[in-house]
Amino acid sequence: MQAPSNHSLIRVVLVEDDVNFQQALQEIIQNAPDMRLLSVASTRAKGLQVIELEEMDVLLVDLGLPDGSGIDVIRAAHARWPQCGIMVCTAFGDEQHVMQSLEAGAAGYLLKDSAPQSMLAEIRSLHAGGSPISPLIARQILMRFRTQEKPVVSTAQVLPPKPRAALSAREQQVLEFITKGFTAEEIASLMAVTRHTVQTFVRRIYAKLEVSSKTEAIYEARHQGLLDD
């Protein structure tokens, strides 16, 4: 079987200060035939530097870094590379860290009780649009929403439905490509534009749909009838 080209490899950046966990992840990613480890950082400052320089497909980030919070790295990566899949790998399982990470742009959240060897499947899942979450964290999120009280709204108070987003023809085209799982690089090639132009279209789509991730964009677009079921 022919090895995948650099064009098709999943580009991974790791921000992790636990030496043993870092080395274990580094080894399995470097040995994966469909992945390329672009950079490894062990501090918040270095992680922020790497994000500015490296265009990545997947970011794995710890929260408890020696010089600050990994949430700052998540927020910066989500703003710089909106199509990047961000996954937290941490020992922090409390509600505050979980919700702050998800709000900052993380799409996955794994506790470090997960075996490093299982991370390859989680990285592939994240890159394909999934949201890998440790069972304990998933239960915590479900319990949070179950315990929230739902306000009683009378029929007279029902708000009108959100107006359908007015996407341009090119934005609609990009949205449909995203829905089909194409990467920014592939979309750029199909549309004969630069990757930067595609990312600009993506940011506009997110703004018009009032969302902050690919998964949310697809859901909201379907809800508004912008995509076929």
C-alpha atoms as a PDB file:
ATOM      1  CA  MET A   1       0.000   0.000   0.000  1.00  0.00           C
ATOM      2  CA  GLN A   2       1.346   3.411  -0.939  1.00  0.00           C
ATOM      3  CA  ALA A   3       2.133   5.715   2.006  1.00  0.00           C
ATOM      4  CA  PRO A   4      -0.018   8.852   2.250  1.00  0.00           C
ATOM      5  CA  SER A   5       1.519  12.054   0.906  1.00  0.00           C
ATOM      6  CA  ASN A   6       2.319  15.021   3.123  1.00  0.00           C
ATOM      7  CA  HIS A   7      -0.710  16.687   1.517  1.00  0.00           C
ATOM      8  CA  SER A   8      -3.080  14.180   3.148  1.00  0.00           C
ATOM      9  CA  LEU A   9      -1.403  13.762   6.544  1.00  0.00           C
ATOM     10  CA  ILE A  10      -3.176  14.980   9.684  1.00  0.00           C
ATOM     11  CA  ARG A  11      -0.983  17.802  10.976  1.00  0.00           C
ATOM     12  CA  VAL A  12      -0.792  17.706  14.771  1.00  0.00           C
ATOM     13  CA  VAL A  13       0.554  20.180  17.330  1.00  0.00           C
ATOM     14  CA  LEU A  14       1.012  19.115  20.952  1.00  0.00           C
ATOM     15  CA  VAL A  15       1.071  21.525  23.913  1.00  0.00           C
ATOM     16  CA  GLU A  16       1.875  19.413  26.978  1.00  0.00           C
ATOM     17  CA  ASP A  17       4.241  19.857  29.946  1.00  0.00           C
ATOM     18  CA  ASP A  18       3.990  16.368  31.476  1.00  0.00           C
ATOM     19  CA  VAL A  19       7.235  14.856  30.170  1.00  0.00           C
ATOM     20  CA  ASN A  20       6.110  11.218  30.295  1.00  0.00           C
ATOM     21  CA  PHE A  21       2.715  11.861  28.684  1.00  0.00           C
ATOM     22  CA  GLN A  22       4.323  14.181  26.131  1.00  0.00           C
ATOM     23  CA  GLN A  23       6.897  11.559  25.102  1.00  0.00           C
ATOM     24  CA  ALA A  24       4.275   8.817  24.873  1.00  0.00           C
ATOM     25  CA  LEU A  25       2.028  10.935  22.620  1.00  0.00           C
ATOM     26  CA  GLN A  26       4.968  12.130  20.567  1.00  0.00           C
ATOM     27  CA  GLU A  27       6.072   8.567  19.869  1.00  0.00           C
ATOM     28  CA  ILE A  28       2.686   7.199  18.818  1.00  0.00           C
ATOM     29  CA  ILE A  29       1.904  10.220  16.610  1.00  0.00           C
ATOM     30  CA  GLN A  30       5.294  10.095  14.885  1.00  0.00           C
ATOM     31  CA  ASN A  31       4.767   6.382  14.187  1.00  0.00           C
ATOM     32  CA  ALA A  32       1.246   6.837  12.815  1.00  0.00           C
ATOM     33  CA  PRO A  33       1.262   6.506   9.004  1.00  0.00           C
ATOM     34  CA  ASP A  34      -1.461   9.131   8.503  1.00  0.00           C
ATOM     35  CA  MET A  35      -0.162  11.830  10.870  1.00  0.00           C
ATOM     36  CA  ARG A  36       2.622  14.372  11.026  1.00  0.00           C
ATOM     37  CA  LEU A  37       3.701  15.954  14.320  1.00  0.00           C
ATOM     38  CA  LEU A  38       4.485  19.563  13.462  1.00  0.00           C
ATOM     39  CA  SER A  39       5.596  20.843  16.849  1.00  0.00           C
ATOM     40  CA  VAL A  40       5.677  20.135  20.584  1.00  0.00           C
ATOM     41  CA  ALA A  41       5.431  22.895  23.186  1.00  0.00           C
ATOM     42  CA  SER A  42       5.578  22.582  26.964  1.00  0.00           C
ATOM     43  CA  THR A  43       4.490  26.094  27.992  1.00  0.00           C
ATOM     44  CA  ARG A  44       1.628  28.495  27.306  1.00  0.00           C
ATOM     45  CA  ALA A  45       4.024  31.052  25.785  1.00  0.00           C
ATOM     46  CA  LYS A  46       5.591  28.525  23.401  1.00  0.00           C
ATOM     47  CA  GLY A  47       2.167  27.168  22.501  1.00  0.00           C
ATOM     48  CA  LEU A  48       0.963  30.652  21.521  1.00  0.00           C
ATOM     49  CA  GLN A  49       4.104  31.106  19.410  1.00  0.00           C
ATOM     50  CA  VAL A  50       3.602  27.809  17.593  1.00  0.00           C
ATOM     51  CA  ILE A  51      -0.023  28.662  16.792  1.00  0.00           C
ATOM     52  CA  GLU A  52       1.057  31.811  14.972  1.00  0.00           C
ATOM     53  CA  LEU A  53       3.605  29.908  12.867  1.00  0.00           C
ATOM     54  CA  GLU A  54       2.089  26.466  12.224  1.00  0.00           C
ATOM     55  CA  GLU A  55      -1.099  25.734  10.297  1.00  0.00           C
ATOM     56  CA  MET A  56      -2.441  22.610  11.986  1.00  0.00           C
ATOM     57  CA  ASP A  57      -5.362  20.222  11.602  1.00  0.00           C
ATOM     58  CA  VAL A  58      -5.432  19.027  15.224  1.00  0.00           C
ATOM     59  CA  LEU A  59      -4.249  20.687  18.437  1.00  0.00           C
ATOM     60  CA  LEU A  60      -3.808  18.612  21.601  1.00  0.00           C
ATOM     61  CA  VAL A  61      -3.482  20.837  24.650  1.00  0.00           C
ATOM     62  CA  ASP A  62      -3.137  20.443  28.402  1.00  0.00           C
ATOM     63  CA  LEU A  63      -4.779  23.033  30.669  1.00  0.00           C
ATOM     64  CA  GLY A  64      -2.319  23.149  33.583  1.00  0.00           C
ATOM     65  CA  LEU A  65       0.750  24.635  31.921  1.00  0.00           C
ATOM     66  CA  PRO A  66       3.637  25.998  34.046  1.00  0.00           C
ATOM     67  CA  ASP A  67       3.212  29.618  32.897  1.00  0.00           C
ATOM     68  CA  GLY A  68      -0.559  29.870  32.551  1.00  0.00           C
ATOM     69  CA  SER A  69      -3.735  28.225  31.339  1.00  0.00           C
ATOM     70  CA  GLY A  70      -4.049  26.103  28.221  1.00  0.00           C
ATOM     71  CA  ILE A  71      -7.451  27.737  27.688  1.00  0.00           C
ATOM     72  CA  ASP A  72      -5.578  30.794  26.369  1.00  0.00           C
ATOM     73  CA  VAL A  73      -3.925  28.530  23.798  1.00  0.00           C
ATOM     74  CA  ILE A  74      -7.303  27.039  22.825  1.00  0.00           C
ATOM     75  CA  ARG A  75      -8.839  30.482  22.364  1.00  0.00           C
ATOM     76  CA  ALA A  76      -5.922  31.719  20.250  1.00  0.00           C
ATOM     77  CA  ALA A  77      -5.867  28.586  18.072  1.00  0.00           C
ATOM     78  CA  HIS A  78      -9.621  28.726  17.493  1.00  0.00           C
ATOM     79  CA  ALA A  79      -9.368  32.358  16.376  1.00  0.00           C
ATOM     80  CA  ARG A  80      -6.287  31.797  14.180  1.00  0.00           C
ATOM     81  CA  TRP A  81      -7.290  28.459  12.622  1.00  0.00           C
ATOM     82  CA  PRO A  82     -11.104  28.104  12.909  1.00  0.00           C
ATOM     83  CA  GLN A  83     -11.153  24.745  11.125  1.00  0.00           C
ATOM     84  CA  CYS A  84      -8.566  23.194  13.450  1.00  0.00           C
ATOM     85  CA  GLY A  85      -9.882  20.440  15.719  1.00  0.00           C
ATOM     86  CA  ILE A  86      -8.894  21.203  19.314  1.00  0.00           C
ATOM     87  CA  MET A  87      -8.821  18.518  22.001  1.00  0.00           C
ATOM     88  CA  VAL A  88      -8.018  18.949  25.683  1.00  0.00           C
ATOM     89  CA  CYS A  89      -5.903  16.253  27.362  1.00  0.00           C
ATOM     90  CA  THR A  90      -5.784  17.042  31.056  1.00  0.00           C
ATOM     91  CA  ALA A  91      -6.134  15.891  34.639  1.00  0.00           C
ATOM     92  CA  PHE A  92      -8.716  18.613  35.340  1.00  0.00           C
ATOM     93  CA  GLY A  93     -12.226  17.171  35.216  1.00  0.00           C
ATOM     94  CA  ASP A  94     -14.160  19.870  37.088  1.00  0.00           C
ATOM     95  CA  GLU A  95     -17.101  21.653  35.487  1.00  0.00           C
ATOM     96  CA  GLN A  96     -15.421  25.051  35.341  1.00  0.00           C
ATOM     97  CA  HIS A  97     -12.439  23.829  33.293  1.00  0.00           C
ATOM     98  CA  VAL A  98     -14.667  21.735  31.034  1.00  0.00           C
ATOM     99  CA  MET A  99     -17.114  24.521  30.194  1.00  0.00           C
ATOM    100  CA  GLN A 100     -14.398  27.164  29.778  1.00  0.00           C
ATOM    101  CA  SER A 101     -12.527  24.894  27.361  1.00  0.00           C
ATOM    102  CA  LEU A 102     -15.603  24.167  25.262  1.00  0.00           C
ATOM    103  CA  GLU A 103     -16.583  27.833  25.195  1.00  0.00           C
ATOM    104  CA  ALA A 104     -13.039  28.766  24.097  1.00  0.00           C
ATOM    105  CA  GLY A 105     -13.287  26.452  21.079  1.00  0.00           C
ATOM    106  CA  ALA A 106     -12.341  22.912  22.135  1.00  0.00           C
ATOM    107  CA  ALA A 107     -14.275  20.148  20.385  1.00  0.00           C
ATOM    108  CA  GLY A 108     -12.937  17.262  22.495  1.00  0.00           C
ATOM    109  CA  TYR A 109     -12.064  16.747  26.155  1.00  0.00           C
ATOM    110  CA  LEU A 110     -10.157  13.714  27.419  1.00  0.00           C
ATOM    111  CA  LEU A 111      -8.871  13.000  30.903  1.00  0.00           C
ATOM    112  CA  LYS A 112      -5.356  11.663  31.252  1.00  0.00           C
ATOM    113  CA  ASP A 113      -6.677   8.348  32.499  1.00  0.00           C
ATOM    114  CA  SER A 114      -7.035   7.521  28.789  1.00  0.00           C
ATOM    115  CA  ALA A 115      -4.200   5.362  27.476  1.00  0.00           C
ATOM    116  CA  PRO A 116      -1.871   7.259  25.106  1.00  0.00           C
ATOM    117  CA  GLN A 117      -2.225   4.403  22.590  1.00  0.00           C
ATOM    118  CA  SER A 118      -5.962   5.106  22.264  1.00  0.00           C
ATOM    119  CA  MET A 119      -5.258   8.701  21.264  1.00  0.00           C
ATOM    120  CA  LEU A 120      -4.688   7.887  17.590  1.00  0.00           C
ATOM    121  CA  ALA A 121      -8.315   6.864  17.141  1.00  0.00           C
ATOM    122  CA  GLU A 122      -9.451   9.962  19.056  1.00  0.00           C
ATOM    123  CA  ILE A 123      -7.317  12.240  16.860  1.00  0.00           C
ATOM    124  CA  ARG A 124      -8.759  10.679  13.707  1.00  0.00           C
ATOM    125  CA  SER A 125     -12.275  11.032  15.096  1.00  0.00           C
ATOM    126  CA  LEU A 126     -11.686  14.698  15.941  1.00  0.00           C
ATOM    127  CA  HIS A 127     -10.226  15.401  12.497  1.00  0.00           C
ATOM    128  CA  ALA A 128     -13.259  13.756  10.870  1.00  0.00           C
ATOM    129  CA  GLY A 129     -15.619  16.095  12.731  1.00  0.00           C
ATOM    130  CA  GLY A 130     -16.234  14.073  15.904  1.00  0.00           C
ATOM    131  CA  SER A 131     -16.054  15.269  19.499  1.00  0.00           C
ATOM    132  CA  PRO A 132     -14.150  12.739  21.626  1.00  0.00           C
ATOM    133  CA  ILE A 133     -15.110  13.199  25.292  1.00  0.00           C
ATOM    134  CA  SER A 134     -14.223  11.037  28.290  1.00  0.00           C
ATOM    135  CA  PRO A 135     -17.321   9.270  29.682  1.00  0.00           C
ATOM    136  CA  LEU A 136     -16.953  11.041  33.032  1.00  0.00           C
ATOM    137  CA  ILE A 137     -16.903  14.431  31.326  1.00  0.00           C
ATOM    138  CA  ALA A 138     -19.845  13.542  29.061  1.00  0.00           C
ATOM    139  CA  ARG A 139     -21.895  12.542  32.109  1.00  0.00           C
ATOM    140  CA  GLN A 140     -20.957  15.801  33.823  1.00  0.00           C
ATOM    141  CA  ILE A 141     -22.100  17.853  30.826  1.00  0.00           C
ATOM    142  CA  LEU A 142     -25.393  15.940  30.640  1.00  0.00           C
ATOM    143  CA  MET A 143     -26.019  16.432  34.350  1.00  0.00           C
ATOM    144  CA  ARG A 144     -25.369  20.153  33.998  1.00  0.00           C
ATOM    145  CA  PHE A 145     -28.086  20.521  31.380  1.00  0.00           C
ATOM    146  CA  ARG A 146     -30.504  18.231  33.198  1.00  0.00           C
ATOM    147  CA  THR A 147     -30.297  20.296  36.367  1.00  0.00           C
ATOM    148  CA  GLN A 148     -30.803  23.600  34.616  1.00  0.00           C
ATOM    149  CA  GLU A 149     -34.325  24.906  35.129  1.00  0.00           C
ATOM    150  CA  LYS A 150     -36.206  25.592  31.929  1.00  0.00           C
ATOM    151  CA  PRO A 151     -38.050  28.936  32.023  1.00  0.00           C
ATOM    152  CA  VAL A 152     -41.794  28.825  31.437  1.00  0.00           C
ATOM    153  CA  VAL A 153     -42.678  30.809  28.321  1.00  0.00           C
ATOM    154  CA  SER A 154     -46.256  31.584  27.410  1.00  0.00           C
ATOM    155  CA  THR A 155     -47.393  31.451  23.786  1.00  0.00           C
ATOM    156  CA  ALA A 156     -47.619  35.233  23.820  1.00  0.00           C
ATOM    157  CA  GLN A 157     -43.897  35.435  24.707  1.00  0.00           C
ATOM    158  CA  VAL A 158     -42.613  33.038  22.050  1.00  0.00           C
ATOM    159  CA  LEU A 159     -39.881  34.737  20.064  1.00  0.00           C
ATOM    160  CA  PRO A 160     -40.033  34.739  16.265  1.00  0.00           C
ATOM    161  CA  PRO A 161     -37.704  32.259  14.547  1.00  0.00           C
ATOM    162  CA  LYS A 162     -34.202  33.433  13.738  1.00  0.00           C
ATOM    163  CA  PRO A 163     -34.082  34.861  10.177  1.00  0.00           C
ATOM    164  CA  ARG A 164     -32.344  32.721   7.595  1.00  0.00           C
ATOM    165  CA  ALA A 165     -28.689  33.712   7.167  1.00  0.00           C
ATOM    166  CA  ALA A 166     -27.982  35.497   3.895  1.00  0.00           C
ATOM    167  CA  LEU A 167     -24.958  33.642   2.534  1.00  0.00           C
ATOM    168  CA  SER A 168     -23.325  34.659  -0.715  1.00  0.00           C
ATOM    169  CA  ALA A 169     -23.031  32.076  -3.487  1.00  0.00           C
ATOM    170  CA  ARG A 170     -19.356  31.487  -2.638  1.00  0.00           C
ATOM    171  CA  GLU A 171     -20.072  31.203   1.095  1.00  0.00           C
ATOM    172  CA  GLN A 172     -22.828  28.688   0.346  1.00  0.00           C
ATOM    173  CA  GLN A 173     -20.392  26.712  -1.789  1.00  0.00           C
ATOM    174  CA  VAL A 174     -17.803  26.647   1.007  1.00  0.00           C
ATOM    175  CA  LEU A 175     -20.469  25.618   3.514  1.00  0.00           C
ATOM    176  CA  GLU A 176     -21.482  22.670   1.334  1.00  0.00           C
ATOM    177  CA  PHE A 177     -17.849  21.588   0.947  1.00  0.00           C
ATOM    178  CA  ILE A 178     -17.348  21.788   4.737  1.00  0.00           C
ATOM    179  CA  THR A 179     -20.451  19.655   5.245  1.00  0.00           C
ATOM    180  CA  LYS A 180     -19.022  17.005   2.923  1.00  0.00           C
ATOM    181  CA  GLY A 181     -15.827  16.860   5.006  1.00  0.00           C
ATOM    182  CA  PHE A 182     -13.392  18.646   2.665  1.00  0.00           C
ATOM    183  CA  THR A 183     -10.396  20.347   4.298  1.00  0.00           C
ATOM    184  CA  ALA A 184      -9.583  24.018   3.761  1.00  0.00           C
ATOM    185  CA  GLU A 185      -6.741  23.036   1.430  1.00  0.00           C
ATOM    186  CA  GLU A 186      -9.019  20.808  -0.657  1.00  0.00           C
ATOM    187  CA  ILE A 187     -11.703  23.494  -0.834  1.00  0.00           C
ATOM    188  CA  ALA A 188      -9.113  26.036  -1.958  1.00  0.00           C
ATOM    189  CA  SER A 189      -8.050  23.696  -4.776  1.00  0.00           C
ATOM    190  CA  LEU A 190     -11.640  22.976  -5.845  1.00  0.00           C
ATOM    191  CA  MET A 191     -12.562  26.662  -5.900  1.00  0.00           C
ATOM    192  CA  ALA A 192      -9.227  27.817  -7.383  1.00  0.00           C
ATOM    193  CA  VAL A 193      -8.602  30.253  -4.524  1.00  0.00           C
ATOM    194  CA  THR A 194      -6.067  30.480  -1.706  1.00  0.00           C
ATOM    195  CA  ARG A 195      -6.448  28.762   1.665  1.00  0.00           C
ATOM    196  CA  HIS A 196      -6.559  32.241   3.246  1.00  0.00           C
ATOM    197  CA  THR A 197      -9.582  33.102   1.086  1.00  0.00           C
ATOM    198  CA  VAL A 198     -11.333  29.895   2.176  1.00  0.00           C
ATOM    199  CA  GLN A 199     -10.674  30.721   5.824  1.00  0.00           C
ATOM    200  CA  THR A 200     -12.120  34.192   5.269  1.00  0.00           C
ATOM    201  CA  PHE A 201     -15.282  32.603   3.839  1.00  0.00           C
ATOM    202  CA  VAL A 202     -15.435  30.257   6.853  1.00  0.00           C
ATOM    203  CA  ARG A 203     -15.183  33.152   9.316  1.00  0.00           C
ATOM    204  CA  ARG A 204     -17.985  34.988   7.472  1.00  0.00           C
ATOM    205  CA  ILE A 205     -20.160  31.869   7.534  1.00  0.00           C
ATOM    206  CA  TYR A 206     -19.600  31.452  11.280  1.00  0.00           C
ATOM    207  CA  ALA A 207     -20.446  35.129  11.873  1.00  0.00           C
ATOM    208  CA  LYS A 208     -23.647  35.009   9.815  1.00  0.00           C
ATOM    209  CA  LEU A 209     -24.804  31.765  11.439  1.00  0.00           C
ATOM    210  CA  GLU A 210     -23.724  33.046  14.871  1.00  0.00           C
ATOM    211  CA  VAL A 211     -21.691  29.905  15.611  1.00  0.00           C
ATOM    212  CA  SER A 212     -18.080  29.163  16.545  1.00  0.00           C
ATOM    213  CA  SER A 213     -17.351  25.687  15.172  1.00  0.00           C
ATOM    214  CA  LYS A 214     -17.818  23.487  12.116  1.00  0.00           C
ATOM    215  CA  THR A 215     -20.256  21.192  13.910  1.00  0.00           C
ATOM    216  CA  GLU A 216     -22.398  24.122  15.061  1.00  0.00           C
ATOM    217  CA  ALA A 217     -22.310  25.658  11.575  1.00  0.00           C
ATOM    218  CA  ILE A 218     -23.595  22.470   9.938  1.00  0.00           C
ATOM    219  CA  TYR A 219     -26.326  22.046  12.562  1.00  0.00           C
ATOM    220  CA  GLU A 220     -27.492  25.683  12.307  1.00  0.00           C
ATOM    221  CA  ALA A 221     -27.357  25.666   8.500  1.00  0.00           C
ATOM    222  CA  ARG A 222     -29.548  22.549   8.384  1.00  0.00           C
ATOM    223  CA  HIS A 223     -31.907  24.090  10.950  1.00  0.00           C
ATOM    224  CA  GLN A 224     -32.270  27.167   8.753  1.00  0.00           C
ATOM    225  CA  GLY A 225     -32.800  25.095   5.605  1.00  0.00           C
ATOM    226  CA  LEU A 226     -29.534  26.129   3.999  1.00  0.00           C
ATOM    227  CA  LEU A 227     -28.471  22.516   3.463  1.00  0.00           C
ATOM    228  CA  ASP A 228     -30.249  19.469   2.162  1.00  0.00           C
ATOM    229  CA  ASP A 229     -30.905  16.758   4.759  1.00  0.00           C
END
